[in-house]
Amino acid sequence: MKKTVFLLAIFFALHSCNREELPTENSKIEMSQKDPLTAKQINDKINQSIKTDGSFNWSQQSDHFLWSAIFRGNRKASIGFGDSKDDFDRSKSPNNKAIENEILSVIKKHEGKDERGFLQATDQYLNQMDVIIENEETITALRQLKTIRYLEPGDYHYFENESKFNTAARSSSSGSSGCGFSSTTLNAVDYTSTTPSAKIPWAFTKHSIPDAWNYSTGAGVTVGLIDTGVSPEQTLLGNNFNNGASSGRTISKFGVYNSDGSADQCGHGTKMASVMTAPRNNAGLPVGVAYNANLIAYRAAANVVLDTSSEQDGVKTAFTELGNNANVKIISMSMGHIFSVGKIEDGVKYAYARGKLIFCAGGTSTSFTSFVGVIFPAWMPETQAITGVKEGTSNQKCDVCHSGKEIDFTFQMERASGNTVPVLSYYNGQADYVGGSSVATAATAGIAALVWSKNPSWTRDQVLNKMRQSATYYPNVNSSFGYGNINVLKAVQ
């Protein structure tokens, strides 16, 4: 997703005072409170910025615009702090407590209440906190501090608001979530059979994955999945994770979204877990790319659109916890947003600094976000951005997939028939199809597990370089599709 939706441009003056009414030095911050902008005005400005500039950043907006979004987002603000823009890790930030206290004192002064009245949370691993802010003057004062890395709305629901104002957004809101619990009978042309009784998705054959299994099956590698959880009803991603030719591995499930457990209540995470690590089973169901890899699955969000504070907190927590898990080598996330979220960015950087190889979805369109290019956090330099392409191509994106200069690899996931990739269903004993950049990302993370399993002493960069060298466009990079499709047999030989 990335470019823009709507054409309305909105400009609001920060302070409506003429030259004679300019505030004195002492009263510069004590300005009269104005009415906040409406959610529609805020969304229109975001959309216009993405359309004209290709991106939107809260740091480039006025105090009044930022305060309005915070006000419309349950008055919650997210603050990243530190001595420099890269000072995000508390363990490497000796001044973090002093900086935090300074920020709290500024808020206390301008909000007129003590910490118990506005401090919601401070992160134990990151230089980041969440606070409640009522007054615009607090925003102005905080932005004058050199120790503020970012100050953003902590709970502004862009997508929810968009669905209120936009008919196209409203009609596609359910599809844009990525959720679904359907099952279907797989078309026989979309898979081949293998021992003991598993189905190999057609897309795997296009990338020479079955041939690569003669060299590597992902054994000994642990992959972290940040998504909507894993279905408690799908036993091949539960008690039967070691079914068939899969053995000696583990699956762990954690819930960091809204404190209501690890069970998938969307269906998206189950499908991503399937394409990455489903066992080479004896049940006549689809196998995953790395069918002997370990899996740690985090339920971090309700759906793929990271719109709420709870979802953004969940994703941040998942990245930091996976970053701290020495057994994890690879992280896959097929979720995102159309603009950056500071606390998630911090989480990604935290995991990357600990050697994790991170794959993120480049974006899948809905009817009201087709203006957007590669989404966040896939555009970050710390991640590998993946998108889906049509069968037999490396530069024809799938009908709903995004492309752009930030893309690193592609995966064939859409046939001429329109069918996508066979996976396990949410329900036990059943299968389904899944498409978009989501499945491309999870499959590519599985490919990385095969490469790392074959070369267990390698570093992240060595694994990544081997994947690049085995892809369509190496040593060059396509302007919209990165290195293209990976020949997995070549990558593990």
Protein backbone atom coordinates (compact mmCIF):
# COMPACT_ATOMS: atom_id res chain seq x y z
CA MET A 1 0.00 0.00 0.00
CA LYS A 2 1.54 3.49 -0.67
CA LYS A 3 0.71 6.62 -2.73
CA THR A 4 -2.66 8.29 -1.90
CA VAL A 5 -6.37 8.05 -1.90
CA PHE A 6 -8.05 11.35 -1.88
CA LEU A 7 -7.48 14.73 -3.45
CA LEU A 8 -8.50 17.16 -0.72
CA ALA A 9 -5.66 19.22 0.66
CA ILE A 10 -6.17 20.95 3.95
CA PHE A 11 -4.11 23.68 5.45
CA PHE A 12 -4.60 25.00 8.95
CA ALA A 13 -2.72 27.89 10.50
CA LEU A 14 -0.92 26.98 13.71
CA HIS A 15 -1.68 30.14 15.61
CA SER A 16 -4.11 32.77 14.40
CA CYS A 17 -2.40 35.84 15.78
CA ASN A 18 -1.34 38.87 13.82
CA ARG A 19 1.96 40.67 14.24
CA GLU A 20 0.65 42.86 17.04
CA GLU A 21 -0.66 39.81 18.90
CA LEU A 22 2.51 37.73 18.87
CA PRO A 23 3.12 36.11 22.27
CA THR A 24 5.95 37.17 24.47
CA GLU A 25 8.82 34.80 25.26
CA ASN A 26 7.29 33.87 28.61
CA SER A 27 3.87 33.21 27.19
CA LYS A 28 4.95 31.44 24.00
CA ILE A 29 3.58 28.11 25.15
CA GLU A 30 0.56 29.43 27.07
CA MET A 31 -1.61 29.83 23.98
CA SER A 32 -5.36 29.55 24.02
CA GLN A 33 -6.67 26.09 23.23
CA LYS A 34 -8.38 25.81 19.86
CA ASP A 35 -10.87 23.23 18.73
CA PRO A 36 -9.23 20.07 17.38
CA LEU A 37 -9.51 19.20 13.73
CA THR A 38 -12.10 16.60 12.83
CA ALA A 39 -11.09 13.02 12.06
CA LYS A 40 -12.07 13.61 8.44
CA GLN A 41 -9.78 16.63 8.20
CA ILE A 42 -6.94 14.61 9.69
CA ASN A 43 -7.46 11.67 7.35
CA ASP A 44 -7.73 13.93 4.32
CA LYS A 45 -4.40 15.55 5.19
CA ILE A 46 -2.76 12.14 5.64
CA ASN A 47 -4.11 10.95 2.29
CA GLN A 48 -3.04 14.12 0.51
CA SER A 49 0.47 13.87 1.93
CA ILE A 50 0.87 10.28 0.77
CA LYS A 51 -0.44 11.18 -2.67
CA THR A 52 1.80 14.19 -3.21
CA ASP A 53 4.92 13.15 -1.27
CA GLY A 54 4.68 9.36 -1.27
CA SER A 55 4.66 9.25 2.54
CA PHE A 56 3.26 10.76 5.71
CA ASN A 57 5.19 11.58 8.87
CA TRP A 58 3.81 13.02 12.10
CA SER A 59 7.04 14.90 12.75
CA GLN A 60 6.42 17.10 9.72
CA GLN A 61 2.98 18.24 10.91
CA SER A 62 2.02 21.28 12.96
CA ASP A 63 1.50 21.17 16.71
CA HIS A 64 -2.21 21.71 16.22
CA PHE A 65 -2.53 18.89 13.68
CA LEU A 66 -0.62 16.48 15.92
CA TRP A 67 -2.58 17.47 19.00
CA SER A 68 -5.85 17.08 17.08
CA ALA A 69 -4.94 13.51 16.11
CA ILE A 70 -3.94 12.73 19.69
CA PHE A 71 -7.21 14.24 20.91
CA ARG A 72 -9.21 12.17 18.38
CA GLY A 73 -7.21 9.10 19.37
CA ASN A 74 -8.43 8.84 22.96
CA ARG A 75 -5.89 11.53 23.92
CA LYS A 76 -3.15 8.93 23.93
CA ALA A 77 0.37 9.88 22.79
CA SER A 78 3.37 7.68 22.11
CA ILE A 79 6.77 9.19 22.90
CA GLY A 80 10.14 7.87 21.80
CA PHE A 81 13.10 9.50 23.51
CA GLY A 82 16.89 9.34 23.67
CA ASP A 83 20.13 11.23 23.16
CA SER A 84 19.97 10.59 19.38
CA LYS A 85 17.61 9.19 16.76
CA ASP A 86 19.19 5.75 17.23
CA ASP A 87 19.03 5.79 21.03
CA PHE A 88 16.07 3.39 21.27
CA ASP A 89 17.52 0.55 23.38
CA ARG A 90 17.28 1.11 27.14
CA SER A 91 20.10 -1.34 27.83
CA LYS A 92 22.45 0.80 25.74
CA SER A 93 21.13 4.17 26.90
CA PRO A 94 22.74 5.27 30.20
CA ASN A 95 20.80 8.55 30.29
CA ASN A 96 17.38 7.06 29.65
CA LYS A 97 16.01 7.58 33.17
CA ALA A 98 17.09 11.21 33.37
CA ILE A 99 15.60 11.91 29.93
CA GLU A 100 12.38 10.16 30.87
CA ASN A 101 12.09 12.17 34.07
CA GLU A 102 12.61 15.43 32.17
CA ILE A 103 9.81 14.55 29.77
CA LEU A 104 7.49 13.62 32.62
CA SER A 105 8.21 16.90 34.36
CA VAL A 106 7.30 18.87 31.23
CA ILE A 107 4.03 16.98 30.91
CA LYS A 108 3.29 17.45 34.60
CA LYS A 109 3.82 21.20 34.30
CA HIS A 110 1.59 21.73 31.27
CA GLU A 111 -1.09 19.17 32.10
CA GLY A 112 -1.34 20.30 35.72
CA LYS A 113 -1.38 16.80 37.18
CA ASP A 114 1.09 14.26 38.52
CA GLU A 115 2.28 11.12 36.72
CA ARG A 116 -0.57 8.99 37.99
CA GLY A 117 -2.90 11.18 36.00
CA PHE A 118 -1.21 10.85 32.61
CA LEU A 119 1.49 8.13 32.51
CA GLN A 120 0.07 4.93 31.04
CA ALA A 121 3.12 2.77 30.33
CA THR A 122 6.88 2.80 29.93
CA ASP A 123 8.57 0.08 27.89
CA GLN A 124 11.11 -2.08 29.73
CA TYR A 125 13.32 -2.61 26.67
CA LEU A 126 12.79 0.52 24.59
CA ASN A 127 13.10 4.24 25.23
CA GLN A 128 9.38 4.65 24.73
CA MET A 129 6.37 5.61 26.82
CA ASP A 130 2.63 6.15 26.42
CA VAL A 131 0.91 9.13 28.04
CA ILE A 132 -2.44 10.89 28.06
CA ILE A 133 -2.26 14.49 26.83
CA GLU A 134 -5.14 16.93 27.03
CA ASN A 135 -3.53 20.25 26.12
CA GLU A 136 -1.97 21.46 22.89
CA GLU A 137 0.55 23.52 24.85
CA THR A 138 1.99 20.24 26.16
CA ILE A 139 2.68 19.13 22.60
CA THR A 140 4.41 22.42 21.85
CA ALA A 141 6.57 22.16 24.95
CA LEU A 142 7.55 18.55 24.34
CA ARG A 143 8.55 19.21 20.74
CA GLN A 144 11.06 21.78 21.97
CA LEU A 145 13.00 19.06 23.80
CA LYS A 146 16.01 17.75 21.90
CA THR A 147 15.61 14.35 23.56
CA ILE A 148 12.28 13.59 21.83
CA ARG A 149 12.86 11.14 18.98
CA TYR A 150 9.20 11.03 18.04
CA LEU A 151 5.88 12.22 19.40
CA GLU A 152 2.88 10.56 17.77
CA PRO A 153 -0.78 9.78 18.36
CA GLY A 154 -0.87 6.56 20.34
CA ASP A 155 -4.35 5.41 19.35
CA TYR A 156 -5.53 7.27 16.24
CA HIS A 157 -7.71 4.89 14.20
CA TYR A 158 -6.99 5.95 10.63
CA PHE A 159 -8.65 2.95 8.96
CA GLU A 160 -11.69 2.98 11.22
CA ASN A 161 -12.17 6.66 10.52
CA GLU A 162 -11.66 6.18 6.80
CA SER A 163 -14.45 3.61 6.71
CA LYS A 164 -16.81 6.24 8.12
CA PHE A 165 -16.10 8.79 5.40
CA ASN A 166 -15.41 6.66 2.34
CA THR A 167 -17.94 4.36 0.70
CA ALA A 168 -15.19 2.27 -0.91
CA ALA A 169 -13.44 1.90 2.43
CA ARG A 170 -16.68 0.94 4.13
CA SER A 171 -17.56 -1.70 1.55
CA SER A 172 -14.09 -3.28 1.67
CA SER A 173 -13.42 -3.04 5.39
CA SER A 174 -14.00 -6.72 6.07
CA GLY A 175 -11.79 -7.85 3.20
CA SER A 176 -9.03 -5.46 4.14
CA SER A 177 -8.68 -7.13 7.53
CA GLY A 178 -7.18 -10.26 5.98
CA CYS A 179 -9.44 -12.41 8.12
CA GLY A 180 -11.44 -15.45 7.02
CA PHE A 181 -12.32 -18.91 8.25
CA SER A 182 -13.26 -20.58 4.98
CA SER A 183 -12.24 -24.03 3.85
CA THR A 184 -12.39 -25.42 0.35
CA THR A 185 -11.60 -28.47 -1.74
CA LEU A 186 -8.29 -27.89 -3.48
CA ASN A 187 -8.14 -28.08 -7.26
CA ALA A 188 -5.98 -31.07 -8.25
CA VAL A 189 -3.93 -28.92 -10.63
CA ASP A 190 -2.82 -26.72 -7.73
CA TYR A 191 -0.73 -29.34 -5.95
CA THR A 192 1.31 -32.49 -6.34
CA SER A 193 1.45 -35.34 -3.85
CA THR A 194 4.44 -36.41 -1.82
CA THR A 195 5.23 -38.89 0.93
CA PRO A 196 3.83 -39.76 3.36
CA SER A 197 0.55 -38.24 2.14
CA ALA A 198 1.08 -34.48 1.88
CA LYS A 199 0.17 -31.98 -0.83
CA ILE A 200 2.92 -29.75 -2.28
CA PRO A 201 1.50 -26.36 -3.35
CA TRP A 202 2.11 -25.51 -7.02
CA ALA A 203 4.02 -22.36 -6.00
CA PHE A 204 6.64 -24.44 -4.17
CA THR A 205 7.47 -26.30 -7.36
CA LYS A 206 7.88 -23.00 -9.23
CA HIS A 207 10.64 -22.08 -6.76
CA SER A 208 12.27 -25.56 -6.76
CA ILE A 209 11.44 -26.04 -3.08
CA PRO A 210 10.71 -29.80 -3.33
CA ASP A 211 14.16 -30.35 -4.89
CA ALA A 212 15.71 -28.22 -2.14
CA TRP A 213 14.26 -30.57 0.49
CA ASN A 214 16.92 -33.10 -0.54
CA TYR A 215 19.42 -30.70 1.07
CA SER A 216 17.45 -28.97 3.83
CA THR A 217 14.07 -29.17 5.57
CA GLY A 218 14.58 -26.35 8.09
CA ALA A 219 15.65 -28.57 10.98
CA GLY A 220 17.32 -26.73 13.85
CA VAL A 221 16.05 -23.29 12.85
CA THR A 222 13.44 -21.39 14.85
CA VAL A 223 11.16 -18.95 13.03
CA GLY A 224 9.12 -16.29 14.81
CA LEU A 225 5.72 -15.38 13.36
CA ILE A 226 4.05 -12.09 14.32
CA ASP A 227 0.44 -12.25 13.22
CA THR A 228 -3.07 -12.98 14.51
CA GLY A 229 -2.15 -16.22 16.25
CA VAL A 230 -2.67 -19.86 15.31
CA SER A 231 -5.94 -21.76 15.30
CA PRO A 232 -6.43 -24.00 18.35
CA GLU A 233 -8.52 -26.28 16.13
CA GLN A 234 -5.79 -27.04 13.57
CA THR A 235 -3.93 -29.98 15.11
CA LEU A 236 -1.20 -29.99 12.44
CA LEU A 237 -0.19 -26.66 13.97
CA GLY A 238 -0.64 -28.05 17.46
CA ASN A 239 -0.37 -31.54 18.89
CA ASN A 240 0.42 -33.02 15.48
CA PHE A 241 3.12 -30.51 14.53
CA ASN A 242 5.50 -33.49 14.23
CA ASN A 243 3.15 -35.52 12.04
CA GLY A 244 4.46 -37.56 9.10
CA ALA A 245 7.99 -36.67 7.96
CA SER A 246 8.22 -33.77 10.42
CA SER A 247 9.89 -34.68 13.69
CA GLY A 248 11.95 -33.41 16.61
CA ARG A 249 10.68 -29.85 16.50
CA THR A 250 8.51 -27.56 18.62
CA ILE A 251 5.70 -25.05 18.23
CA SER A 252 5.06 -22.36 20.85
CA LYS A 253 2.19 -19.88 20.94
CA PHE A 254 2.01 -16.56 22.78
CA GLY A 255 -0.64 -13.88 23.08
CA VAL A 256 0.40 -10.24 23.47
CA TYR A 257 -2.78 -8.61 22.16
CA ASN A 258 -5.41 -7.49 24.65
CA SER A 259 -4.49 -10.20 27.17
CA ASP A 260 -6.97 -12.66 25.66
CA GLY A 261 -4.70 -15.51 24.68
CA SER A 262 -2.76 -16.87 21.73
CA ALA A 263 -5.63 -18.41 19.75
CA ASP A 264 -6.20 -17.03 16.27
CA GLN A 265 -9.56 -15.27 16.05
CA CYS A 266 -9.00 -14.07 12.48
CA GLY A 267 -7.61 -16.95 10.43
CA HIS A 268 -4.75 -15.02 8.83
CA GLY A 269 -2.02 -16.13 11.23
CA THR A 270 -2.99 -19.79 10.87
CA LYS A 271 -2.46 -19.61 7.11
CA MET A 272 0.91 -17.89 7.47
CA ALA A 273 2.06 -20.53 9.97
CA SER A 274 0.92 -23.19 7.51
CA VAL A 275 2.82 -21.95 4.46
CA MET A 276 5.99 -21.54 6.54
CA THR A 277 6.05 -24.65 8.70
CA ALA A 278 3.07 -27.03 8.24
CA PRO A 279 4.27 -30.64 8.67
CA ARG A 280 4.95 -32.96 5.79
CA ASN A 281 1.90 -34.82 6.94
CA ASN A 282 0.13 -38.10 6.37
CA ALA A 283 -3.30 -36.43 6.35
CA GLY A 284 -3.48 -35.43 2.68
CA LEU A 285 -3.07 -31.70 3.46
CA PRO A 286 -0.67 -28.94 2.32
CA VAL A 287 2.92 -28.97 3.59
CA GLY A 288 4.91 -25.88 4.60
CA VAL A 289 8.19 -24.65 3.09
CA ALA A 290 10.32 -25.44 6.19
CA TYR A 291 8.47 -28.50 7.46
CA ASN A 292 11.09 -29.37 10.07
CA ALA A 293 11.66 -25.86 11.47
CA ASN A 294 10.54 -24.79 14.93
CA LEU A 295 7.82 -22.13 15.15
CA ILE A 296 7.11 -19.46 17.76
CA ALA A 297 3.81 -17.77 16.90
CA TYR A 298 2.67 -14.49 18.45
CA ARG A 299 -0.90 -13.30 18.43
CA ALA A 300 -0.13 -9.58 18.29
CA ALA A 301 -3.17 -8.10 16.53
CA ALA A 302 -6.82 -8.65 15.69
CA ASN A 303 -6.16 -8.43 11.95
CA VAL A 304 -3.50 -7.34 9.47
CA VAL A 305 -4.23 -3.60 9.69
CA LEU A 306 -2.33 -2.28 12.73
CA ASP A 307 -4.80 0.49 13.47
CA THR A 308 -5.20 0.49 17.25
CA SER A 309 -2.99 1.08 20.24
CA SER A 310 -3.49 -2.50 21.42
CA GLU A 311 -2.31 -3.88 18.08
CA GLN A 312 0.67 -1.57 17.86
CA ASP A 313 1.66 -2.43 21.43
CA GLY A 314 1.26 -6.13 20.64
CA VAL A 315 3.52 -5.96 17.60
CA LYS A 316 6.13 -3.92 19.49
CA THR A 317 6.13 -6.48 22.30
CA ALA A 318 6.38 -9.41 19.91
CA PHE A 319 9.42 -7.92 18.17
CA THR A 320 11.22 -7.19 21.44
CA GLU A 321 10.48 -10.62 22.91
CA LEU A 322 11.55 -12.42 19.74
CA GLY A 323 14.60 -10.17 19.64
CA ASN A 324 15.50 -11.34 23.14
CA ASN A 325 15.00 -15.02 22.27
CA ALA A 326 18.43 -16.35 21.35
CA ASN A 327 16.91 -19.38 19.59
CA VAL A 328 15.04 -17.27 17.03
CA LYS A 329 16.87 -16.53 13.78
CA ILE A 330 14.04 -15.37 11.51
CA ILE A 331 10.96 -13.19 12.03
CA SER A 332 8.06 -12.99 9.59
CA MET A 333 5.24 -10.42 9.75
CA SER A 334 2.54 -10.03 7.11
CA MET A 335 0.83 -7.00 8.68
CA GLY A 336 1.43 -3.27 8.60
CA HIS A 337 0.25 0.31 8.20
CA ILE A 338 0.35 2.97 5.49
CA PHE A 339 2.52 5.26 7.64
CA SER A 340 5.20 4.61 10.23
CA VAL A 341 4.47 3.83 13.86
CA GLY A 342 7.37 4.84 16.12
CA LYS A 343 7.03 2.11 18.73
CA ILE A 344 6.87 -0.61 16.07
CA GLU A 345 9.88 0.91 14.32
CA ASP A 346 11.74 0.74 17.63
CA GLY A 347 10.73 -2.90 18.06
CA VAL A 348 11.95 -3.80 14.57
CA LYS A 349 15.29 -2.08 15.19
CA TYR A 350 15.63 -3.82 18.54
CA ALA A 351 15.17 -7.27 16.98
CA TYR A 352 17.43 -6.42 14.04
CA ALA A 353 20.19 -5.27 16.39
CA ARG A 354 20.09 -8.78 17.88
CA GLY A 355 20.81 -10.46 14.57
CA LYS A 356 17.31 -11.41 13.45
CA LEU A 357 16.52 -11.71 9.74
CA ILE A 358 13.18 -9.94 9.34
CA PHE A 359 10.68 -10.38 6.50
CA CYS A 360 7.68 -8.06 6.12
CA ALA A 361 4.83 -7.92 3.62
CA GLY A 362 5.10 -5.24 0.95
CA GLY A 363 1.36 -4.68 1.03
CA THR A 364 -1.92 -5.94 -0.35
CA SER A 365 -4.48 -3.52 -1.75
CA THR A 366 -8.04 -2.93 -0.76
CA SER A 367 -10.36 -0.89 -2.93
CA PHE A 368 -9.52 2.27 -1.00
CA THR A 369 -5.79 1.81 -0.48
CA SER A 370 -4.66 0.98 -4.02
CA PHE A 371 -2.92 4.37 -4.05
CA VAL A 372 -0.37 3.13 -1.51
CA GLY A 373 2.99 1.59 -2.41
CA VAL A 374 5.16 -0.52 -0.11
CA ILE A 375 3.79 -0.36 3.41
CA PHE A 376 5.36 0.06 6.85
CA PRO A 377 7.41 -1.60 8.27
CA ALA A 378 8.42 -3.36 5.03
CA TRP A 379 10.01 -0.15 3.75
CA MET A 380 12.45 -0.04 6.68
CA PRO A 381 16.10 -0.86 5.84
CA GLU A 382 16.12 -3.38 8.70
CA THR A 383 13.49 -5.54 6.98
CA GLN A 384 13.26 -7.55 3.79
CA ALA A 385 10.15 -6.44 1.87
CA ILE A 386 8.35 -9.20 -0.02
CA THR A 387 5.59 -9.09 -2.60
CA GLY A 388 3.67 -11.63 -4.65
CA VAL A 389 3.86 -12.07 -8.42
CA LYS A 390 1.97 -14.04 -11.01
CA GLU A 391 2.98 -17.55 -12.00
CA GLY A 392 5.89 -17.68 -14.42
CA THR A 393 6.88 -14.04 -13.83
CA SER A 394 9.13 -12.07 -11.54
CA ASN A 395 7.91 -8.60 -12.47
CA GLN A 396 4.12 -8.87 -12.75
CA LYS A 397 2.62 -8.30 -9.34
CA CYS A 398 -0.45 -10.19 -8.29
CA ASP A 399 -3.76 -8.40 -8.77
CA VAL A 400 -3.84 -7.07 -5.20
CA CYS A 401 -0.10 -6.92 -4.42
CA HIS A 402 2.06 -3.83 -4.03
CA SER A 403 5.43 -3.15 -5.62
CA GLY A 404 8.10 -0.48 -5.38
CA LYS A 405 11.77 0.29 -4.95
CA GLU A 406 11.75 -1.03 -1.37
CA ILE A 407 10.85 -4.60 -2.45
CA ASP A 408 13.66 -7.12 -1.92
CA PHE A 409 12.23 -10.45 -3.15
CA THR A 410 9.18 -11.83 -4.90
CA PHE A 411 7.27 -15.11 -4.67
CA GLN A 412 4.96 -16.61 -7.29
CA MET A 413 1.54 -16.98 -5.67
CA GLU A 414 -1.14 -16.25 -8.28
CA ARG A 415 -2.10 -18.50 -11.20
CA ALA A 416 -3.83 -17.55 -14.44
CA SER A 417 -6.93 -19.20 -13.00
CA GLY A 418 -6.80 -16.75 -10.11
CA ASN A 419 -6.05 -19.52 -7.61
CA THR A 420 -3.41 -18.77 -5.01
CA VAL A 421 -1.43 -20.98 -2.60
CA PRO A 422 -2.93 -24.06 -0.87
CA VAL A 423 -2.58 -24.01 2.93
CA LEU A 424 -4.08 -25.57 6.02
CA SER A 425 -7.48 -24.21 6.97
CA TYR A 426 -8.43 -22.79 10.35
CA TYR A 427 -10.37 -26.01 10.86
CA ASN A 428 -8.78 -29.39 11.45
CA GLY A 429 -8.60 -31.75 8.48
CA GLN A 430 -9.40 -29.01 5.96
CA ALA A 431 -7.51 -26.85 3.46
CA ASP A 432 -7.89 -23.43 1.85
CA TYR A 433 -6.12 -20.94 -0.43
CA VAL A 434 -4.30 -17.75 0.57
CA GLY A 435 -2.79 -14.97 -1.55
CA GLY A 436 -1.36 -11.48 -1.51
CA SER A 437 2.00 -10.28 -0.28
CA SER A 438 1.18 -12.00 3.01
CA VAL A 439 1.70 -15.54 1.74
CA ALA A 440 4.69 -14.41 -0.32
CA THR A 441 6.32 -13.09 2.86
CA ALA A 442 5.70 -16.19 4.97
CA ALA A 443 6.94 -18.46 2.18
CA THR A 444 10.13 -16.42 1.79
CA ALA A 445 10.74 -16.60 5.55
CA GLY A 446 10.44 -20.38 5.19
CA ILE A 447 13.00 -20.30 2.37
CA ALA A 448 15.39 -18.43 4.66
CA ALA A 449 14.93 -21.19 7.24
CA LEU A 450 15.97 -23.79 4.65
CA VAL A 451 19.12 -21.82 3.79
CA TRP A 452 20.07 -21.24 7.43
CA SER A 453 19.40 -24.88 8.34
CA LYS A 454 21.78 -25.98 5.59
CA ASN A 455 24.40 -23.52 6.88
CA PRO A 456 23.88 -23.30 10.67
CA SER A 457 27.11 -21.38 11.34
CA TRP A 458 26.24 -18.58 8.92
CA THR A 459 25.37 -15.05 9.91
CA ARG A 460 22.22 -13.24 8.87
CA ASP A 461 24.09 -11.42 6.10
CA GLN A 462 25.51 -14.64 4.69
CA VAL A 463 22.06 -16.19 4.52
CA LEU A 464 20.64 -13.09 2.88
CA ASN A 465 23.46 -12.88 0.34
CA LYS A 466 22.91 -16.51 -0.65
CA MET A 467 19.23 -15.81 -1.22
CA ARG A 468 20.10 -12.82 -3.36
CA GLN A 469 22.64 -14.75 -5.39
CA SER A 470 19.99 -17.39 -6.09
CA ALA A 471 17.35 -14.94 -7.33
CA THR A 472 16.26 -13.79 -10.77
CA TYR A 473 17.93 -10.41 -11.13
CA TYR A 474 21.16 -10.87 -9.17
CA PRO A 475 23.58 -9.06 -9.18
CA ASN A 476 21.23 -6.27 -10.22
CA VAL A 477 18.07 -5.07 -8.54
CA ASN A 478 14.80 -4.53 -10.37
CA SER A 479 13.37 -1.07 -9.68
CA SER A 480 10.05 -2.47 -8.41
CA PHE A 481 10.69 -6.14 -7.60
CA GLY A 482 14.09 -6.30 -5.94
CA TYR A 483 16.08 -9.44 -6.67
CA GLY A 484 12.95 -11.24 -7.86
CA ASN A 485 12.11 -14.92 -7.40
CA ILE A 486 14.45 -17.18 -5.44
CA ASN A 487 15.57 -20.51 -6.88
CA VAL A 488 15.58 -22.37 -3.59
CA LEU A 489 17.48 -25.42 -4.87
CA LYS A 490 20.33 -23.11 -5.88
CA ALA A 491 20.10 -21.35 -2.52
CA VAL A 492 20.70 -24.54 -0.51
CA GLN A 493 23.32 -26.19 -2.73
